[in-house]
Amino acid sequence: MSLKAARIAIVGAGAMGSVYAGLFAEAGHEVTLVSRPGAHMHAIRTVGLRVDGASGDRTVTVRALDAPPSEEFDLVILAVKATQVDAAVGSLAPMVGKRTSVLAMQNGLGAADIVAGHLDNHKLAVGIAAAFGASVVSPGHAHHTGMGAIKIGAHRGMPAGQTRHIADIWCSAGFKAEAVSDIITLQWEKLICNTSFSAPCAITGLTVGEALVDPALGPICLQAGAETWEIAKACGIPLSVTDVETYVRAFAERVAAAKPSLLQDVEAGRSSEIDFINGAVPREAAKHGLSAPVNQTLTALVKAIEAKRGV
């Protein structure tokens, strides 16, 4: 795709942020990676950023900064975890000008609302990434096992033309990106799958496929997804999913070997995104006078594990 090179700032140099940075840089965009100091950022500055996997293998030069520069960018991608959004959102201001768009790329529900409190309505878009399976292999080296879809939609008042332009930038770097008008629906449909396995896997240490076929845990996974589906419908979300069990099972078969990010966080002793995934369901249910006992219980169990580990 022929497109003018964009000035792109990516806030967060985790696995996904690194994959984004590598592909954008290879496509000729001017990329600045902003993240806390550490071995990964040091390696990127000194030897470059290597990204390999489903998209190929390349090592690119990327500007890597420990603090946001006071410069205007065309696109700022917020690629930190949902738990880090509140702390990171203050760093956006020096990089946001009149023509800047901000794209929030967090799991679950609720992170974009935090970002929206700091931006004009027309500047914020929400992105959903599917089936990338990214990880940081070693400092300066990120790997991804899939090249899934990127869906981009307005959070509130962003014009449709602007979301299409953001999608075009992603497409120019080889991503399967698409601007959509129903991003909230897509968030909920992804949440159905995430709630089915995120907390159950985090609690047990099982992969998605192992959790589904486990005779005790499998039914709980399906109950968590079905409850999310029911709450989404109660909230008036126009879901395309009609058979939730078939939908969840099909997802699990596609990513059977995967460890959900929630499990990876628990194993690493990091604060997890439980409040934005399983915890989002009882929170949204309460707004309509409803309850979500399966997801509420799973959320409480993950929080108990975190508390025991001092997270």
Protein backbone atom coordinates (compact mmCIF):
# COMPACT_ATOMS: atom_id res chain seq x y z
CA MET A 1 0.00 0.00 0.00
CA SER A 2 1.32 3.44 -0.96
CA LEU A 3 0.98 5.68 2.07
CA LYS A 4 2.94 8.60 3.40
CA ALA A 5 5.30 7.55 6.18
CA ALA A 6 3.76 8.30 9.57
CA ARG A 7 5.38 9.43 12.79
CA ILE A 8 4.31 6.74 15.24
CA ALA A 9 4.94 6.59 18.98
CA ILE A 10 4.36 3.28 20.72
CA VAL A 11 4.02 3.50 24.49
CA GLY A 12 4.95 0.15 25.98
CA ALA A 13 7.75 -2.12 24.79
CA GLY A 14 6.30 -5.44 25.82
CA ALA A 15 5.83 -8.30 23.38
CA MET A 16 2.98 -6.76 21.40
CA GLY A 17 4.42 -3.23 21.40
CA SER A 18 7.70 -4.62 20.12
CA VAL A 19 6.01 -6.54 17.30
CA TYR A 20 4.13 -3.41 16.27
CA ALA A 21 7.32 -1.33 16.36
CA GLY A 22 9.31 -3.81 14.30
CA LEU A 23 6.79 -4.10 11.49
CA PHE A 24 6.03 -0.38 11.34
CA ALA A 25 9.74 0.43 11.19
CA GLU A 26 10.38 -2.14 8.46
CA ALA A 27 7.58 -0.56 6.43
CA GLY A 28 9.36 2.81 6.54
CA HIS A 29 7.39 4.59 9.22
CA GLU A 30 9.23 6.78 11.74
CA VAL A 31 8.85 4.83 14.96
CA THR A 32 9.58 5.92 18.52
CA LEU A 33 9.25 3.32 21.27
CA VAL A 34 8.62 4.72 24.75
CA SER A 35 8.96 2.43 27.75
CA ARG A 36 10.56 2.13 31.15
CA PRO A 37 14.32 1.45 31.16
CA GLY A 38 15.54 -2.11 31.21
CA ALA A 39 17.54 -4.73 29.33
CA HIS A 40 15.06 -4.91 26.47
CA MET A 41 15.13 -1.18 25.77
CA HIS A 42 18.93 -1.09 26.15
CA ALA A 43 19.31 -3.87 23.58
CA ILE A 44 17.00 -2.11 21.13
CA ARG A 45 19.10 1.05 21.40
CA THR A 46 22.43 -0.71 21.01
CA VAL A 47 21.86 -3.60 18.58
CA GLY A 48 18.40 -2.97 17.17
CA LEU A 49 15.00 -4.64 17.51
CA ARG A 50 14.60 -8.12 16.12
CA VAL A 51 11.05 -9.33 15.40
CA ASP A 52 10.53 -12.80 14.00
CA GLY A 53 7.71 -15.26 13.64
CA ALA A 54 4.63 -15.36 11.45
CA SER A 55 5.58 -12.16 9.60
CA GLY A 56 9.18 -13.19 8.84
CA ASP A 57 12.45 -12.23 10.48
CA ARG A 58 13.98 -8.77 10.56
CA THR A 59 16.16 -6.56 12.73
CA VAL A 60 15.36 -2.86 12.53
CA THR A 61 16.62 0.37 14.02
CA VAL A 62 14.02 1.92 16.31
CA ARG A 63 14.34 5.04 18.40
CA ALA A 64 13.88 3.82 22.00
CA LEU A 65 13.26 6.35 24.78
CA ASP A 66 12.70 5.97 28.52
CA ALA A 67 10.46 9.04 28.64
CA PRO A 68 8.02 10.62 26.19
CA PRO A 69 9.50 13.32 23.96
CA SER A 70 7.82 16.70 23.62
CA GLU A 71 7.05 16.11 19.95
CA GLU A 72 3.85 15.79 17.99
CA PHE A 73 3.14 12.39 16.42
CA ASP A 74 0.62 11.33 13.81
CA LEU A 75 -0.35 8.24 15.78
CA VAL A 76 0.28 7.29 19.41
CA ILE A 77 -0.35 3.62 20.19
CA LEU A 78 -0.87 2.81 23.84
CA ALA A 79 0.39 -0.78 24.10
CA VAL A 80 0.82 -1.15 27.86
CA LYS A 81 -1.26 -3.59 29.87
CA ALA A 82 -4.64 -2.40 31.09
CA THR A 83 -3.28 -2.26 34.64
CA GLN A 84 -0.63 0.24 33.52
CA VAL A 85 -2.91 2.59 31.60
CA ASP A 86 -3.69 4.86 34.53
CA ALA A 87 0.02 5.48 35.13
CA ALA A 88 0.90 5.75 31.44
CA VAL A 89 -1.86 8.04 30.27
CA GLY A 90 -0.17 11.08 31.75
CA SER A 91 2.77 10.51 29.41
CA LEU A 92 0.62 11.02 26.32
CA ALA A 93 0.19 14.80 26.56
CA PRO A 94 3.68 15.84 25.28
CA MET A 95 3.17 13.71 22.16
CA VAL A 96 -0.41 14.70 21.28
CA GLY A 97 -0.98 17.64 18.96
CA LYS A 98 -3.88 18.89 16.87
CA ARG A 99 -3.52 16.16 14.25
CA THR A 100 -2.60 13.28 16.58
CA SER A 101 -4.74 10.17 16.91
CA VAL A 102 -4.40 7.90 19.96
CA LEU A 103 -5.10 4.19 19.72
CA ALA A 104 -5.72 2.20 22.92
CA MET A 105 -4.80 -1.49 22.48
CA GLN A 106 -5.69 -3.11 25.82
CA ASN A 107 -7.39 -6.38 26.73
CA GLY A 108 -10.86 -6.51 28.18
CA LEU A 109 -13.14 -3.61 29.03
CA GLY A 110 -12.51 -0.34 30.84
CA ALA A 111 -9.01 0.78 29.84
CA ALA A 112 -10.19 3.05 27.02
CA ASP A 113 -12.50 4.87 29.44
CA ILE A 114 -9.45 5.77 31.54
CA VAL A 115 -7.65 7.14 28.47
CA ALA A 116 -10.76 9.03 27.34
CA GLY A 117 -10.70 11.08 30.51
CA HIS A 118 -7.47 12.71 29.32
CA LEU A 119 -8.26 13.33 25.63
CA ASP A 120 -10.66 15.16 23.37
CA ASN A 121 -13.42 12.80 22.22
CA HIS A 122 -12.41 12.91 18.56
CA LYS A 123 -8.82 11.77 19.21
CA LEU A 124 -9.31 8.31 20.69
CA ALA A 125 -9.75 5.00 18.90
CA VAL A 126 -9.84 1.48 20.32
CA GLY A 127 -7.94 -1.39 18.78
CA ILE A 128 -8.41 -5.13 19.18
CA ALA A 129 -5.60 -7.52 18.29
CA ALA A 130 -6.34 -11.20 17.76
CA ALA A 131 -4.17 -14.31 17.51
CA PHE A 132 -0.67 -12.84 17.67
CA GLY A 133 0.74 -15.00 20.49
CA ALA A 134 3.65 -12.62 21.10
CA SER A 135 6.51 -12.97 23.57
CA VAL A 136 9.86 -11.30 24.32
CA VAL A 137 12.37 -14.09 23.71
CA SER A 138 15.40 -12.17 24.98
CA PRO A 139 16.38 -8.50 25.32
CA GLY A 140 15.88 -6.86 21.93
CA HIS A 141 14.14 -9.91 20.42
CA ALA A 142 10.35 -10.36 20.12
CA HIS A 143 8.59 -13.32 18.52
CA HIS A 144 4.99 -13.80 17.41
CA THR A 145 3.30 -17.02 16.43
CA GLY A 146 0.35 -15.51 14.55
CA MET A 147 -0.55 -12.63 12.27
CA GLY A 148 -4.13 -12.14 13.31
CA ALA A 149 -6.54 -9.33 12.65
CA ILE A 150 -6.42 -5.76 13.98
CA LYS A 151 -9.86 -4.16 14.36
CA ILE A 152 -10.01 -0.39 14.91
CA GLY A 153 -13.02 1.67 15.91
CA ALA A 154 -13.87 5.04 17.40
CA HIS A 155 -14.20 5.16 21.17
CA ARG A 156 -16.60 8.10 21.06
CA GLY A 157 -16.39 10.96 18.61
CA MET A 158 -13.59 10.05 16.21
CA PRO A 159 -14.76 10.49 12.58
CA ALA A 160 -15.02 7.32 10.50
CA GLY A 161 -12.49 8.68 8.02
CA GLN A 162 -9.90 8.92 10.77
CA THR A 163 -10.35 5.32 11.91
CA ARG A 164 -9.98 4.23 8.28
CA HIS A 165 -6.74 6.24 8.01
CA ILE A 166 -5.37 4.53 11.14
CA ALA A 167 -6.28 1.15 9.65
CA ASP A 168 -4.50 2.10 6.42
CA ILE A 169 -1.31 2.81 8.39
CA TRP A 170 -1.48 -0.65 9.94
CA CYS A 171 -2.19 -2.29 6.57
CA SER A 172 0.85 -0.55 5.08
CA ALA A 173 3.01 -2.50 7.55
CA GLY A 174 1.52 -5.86 6.64
CA PHE A 175 -1.12 -6.12 9.36
CA LYS A 176 -4.59 -7.42 8.54
CA ALA A 177 -6.24 -4.25 9.79
CA GLU A 178 -9.80 -3.06 9.36
CA ALA A 179 -11.79 -0.05 10.55
CA VAL A 180 -15.11 -1.11 12.07
CA SER A 181 -18.20 0.71 13.26
CA ASP A 182 -19.06 -1.77 16.04
CA ILE A 183 -15.91 -1.94 18.15
CA ILE A 184 -17.89 -2.38 21.39
CA THR A 185 -19.53 -5.51 20.01
CA LEU A 186 -16.15 -6.89 19.01
CA GLN A 187 -14.72 -6.12 22.45
CA TRP A 188 -17.50 -8.11 24.09
CA GLU A 189 -17.16 -10.99 21.64
CA LYS A 190 -13.46 -11.20 22.43
CA LEU A 191 -14.26 -10.89 26.13
CA ILE A 192 -16.48 -13.98 25.93
CA CYS A 193 -13.45 -16.04 24.92
CA ASN A 194 -11.09 -14.32 27.33
CA THR A 195 -13.33 -14.78 30.35
CA SER A 196 -13.78 -18.44 29.45
CA PHE A 197 -10.09 -19.20 29.92
CA SER A 198 -8.16 -16.28 31.45
CA ALA A 199 -9.05 -16.79 35.11
CA PRO A 200 -9.51 -20.59 34.95
CA CYS A 201 -6.05 -21.02 33.40
CA ALA A 202 -4.46 -18.50 35.77
CA ILE A 203 -5.86 -20.39 38.76
CA THR A 204 -4.85 -23.87 37.57
CA GLY A 205 -1.79 -23.30 35.38
CA LEU A 206 -3.39 -25.16 32.47
CA THR A 207 -3.26 -24.12 28.82
CA VAL A 208 -6.48 -23.20 27.03
CA GLY A 209 -6.83 -26.66 25.47
CA GLU A 210 -6.06 -28.45 28.71
CA ALA A 211 -8.62 -26.36 30.58
CA LEU A 212 -11.37 -27.06 28.07
CA VAL A 213 -10.99 -30.86 28.19
CA ASP A 214 -10.49 -31.06 31.94
CA PRO A 215 -13.64 -32.78 33.30
CA ALA A 216 -13.89 -30.49 36.32
CA LEU A 217 -12.64 -27.20 34.86
CA GLY A 218 -14.04 -27.40 31.32
CA PRO A 219 -17.68 -26.82 32.36
CA ILE A 220 -16.62 -23.82 34.46
CA CYS A 221 -14.84 -22.31 31.45
CA LEU A 222 -17.98 -22.69 29.39
CA GLN A 223 -20.13 -21.24 32.18
CA ALA A 224 -17.88 -18.16 32.44
CA GLY A 225 -18.19 -17.51 28.70
CA ALA A 226 -21.93 -18.12 28.68
CA GLU A 227 -22.42 -15.73 31.60
CA THR A 228 -20.41 -13.04 29.75
CA TRP A 229 -22.60 -13.61 26.69
CA GLU A 230 -25.77 -13.22 28.78
CA ILE A 231 -24.56 -10.00 30.43
CA ALA A 232 -23.55 -8.56 27.04
CA LYS A 233 -27.07 -9.18 25.75
CA ALA A 234 -28.55 -7.64 28.89
CA CYS A 235 -26.39 -4.57 28.27
CA GLY A 236 -27.89 -4.24 24.79
CA ILE A 237 -24.76 -5.29 22.89
CA PRO A 238 -25.73 -6.55 19.40
CA LEU A 239 -23.73 -9.77 19.41
CA SER A 240 -23.27 -11.88 16.30
CA VAL A 241 -22.63 -14.95 18.48
CA THR A 242 -25.74 -17.13 18.70
CA ASP A 243 -24.31 -20.43 19.98
CA VAL A 244 -21.90 -19.42 22.72
CA GLU A 245 -20.62 -22.91 23.55
CA THR A 246 -19.72 -23.65 19.94
CA TYR A 247 -18.07 -20.23 19.71
CA VAL A 248 -15.94 -20.78 22.82
CA ARG A 249 -14.98 -24.32 21.83
CA ALA A 250 -13.91 -23.17 18.36
CA PHE A 251 -11.73 -20.47 19.92
CA ALA A 252 -10.13 -22.97 22.29
CA GLU A 253 -9.32 -25.35 19.46
CA ARG A 254 -7.56 -22.57 17.53
CA VAL A 255 -5.33 -21.59 20.46
CA ALA A 256 -5.22 -24.87 22.40
CA ALA A 257 -1.53 -24.63 23.31
CA ALA A 258 -1.72 -21.01 24.45
CA LYS A 259 -1.17 -19.72 27.95
CA PRO A 260 -3.48 -16.72 28.47
CA SER A 261 -1.68 -13.51 29.38
CA LEU A 262 -3.40 -13.65 32.78
CA LEU A 263 -1.66 -16.95 33.52
CA GLN A 264 1.66 -15.55 32.30
CA ASP A 265 1.26 -12.60 34.66
CA VAL A 266 0.46 -14.82 37.65
CA GLU A 267 3.44 -17.08 36.89
CA ALA A 268 5.73 -14.05 36.63
CA GLY A 269 4.44 -12.51 39.85
CA ARG A 270 3.03 -9.48 38.02
CA SER A 271 -0.24 -7.69 38.66
CA SER A 272 -2.78 -9.19 36.26
CA GLU A 273 -5.54 -7.67 34.16
CA ILE A 274 -8.24 -9.61 36.03
CA ASP A 275 -10.29 -6.46 36.77
CA PHE A 276 -10.51 -5.72 33.05
CA ILE A 277 -11.33 -9.29 31.95
CA ASN A 278 -13.35 -11.56 34.26
CA GLY A 279 -13.81 -8.68 36.69
CA ALA A 280 -15.38 -6.53 33.99
CA VAL A 281 -18.41 -8.82 33.74
CA PRO A 282 -19.81 -8.35 37.28
CA ARG A 283 -18.93 -4.65 37.06
CA GLU A 284 -20.97 -4.19 33.89
CA ALA A 285 -23.73 -6.45 35.21
CA ALA A 286 -24.13 -4.30 38.32
CA LYS A 287 -24.88 -1.26 36.13
CA HIS A 288 -28.06 -3.06 35.06
CA GLY A 289 -29.00 -4.44 38.46
CA LEU A 290 -27.68 -7.89 37.57
CA SER A 291 -25.04 -10.22 38.95
CA ALA A 292 -22.40 -12.45 37.36
CA PRO A 293 -21.52 -14.99 40.08
CA VAL A 294 -19.27 -17.25 37.98
CA ASN A 295 -16.98 -14.45 36.83
CA GLN A 296 -17.14 -12.75 40.22
CA THR A 297 -15.97 -15.95 41.91
CA LEU A 298 -13.18 -16.51 39.38
CA THR A 299 -12.05 -12.91 39.85
CA ALA A 300 -11.95 -13.33 43.62
CA LEU A 301 -9.87 -16.50 43.32
CA VAL A 302 -7.28 -14.81 41.09
CA LYS A 303 -7.11 -11.87 43.48
CA ALA A 304 -6.55 -14.29 46.37
CA ILE A 305 -3.63 -15.87 44.51
CA GLU A 306 -2.16 -12.43 43.83
CA ALA A 307 -2.57 -11.39 47.46
CA LYS A 308 -0.83 -14.53 48.67
CA ARG A 309 2.10 -13.76 46.38
CA GLY A 310 2.22 -10.15 47.50
CA VAL A 311 1.26 -8.69 44.12
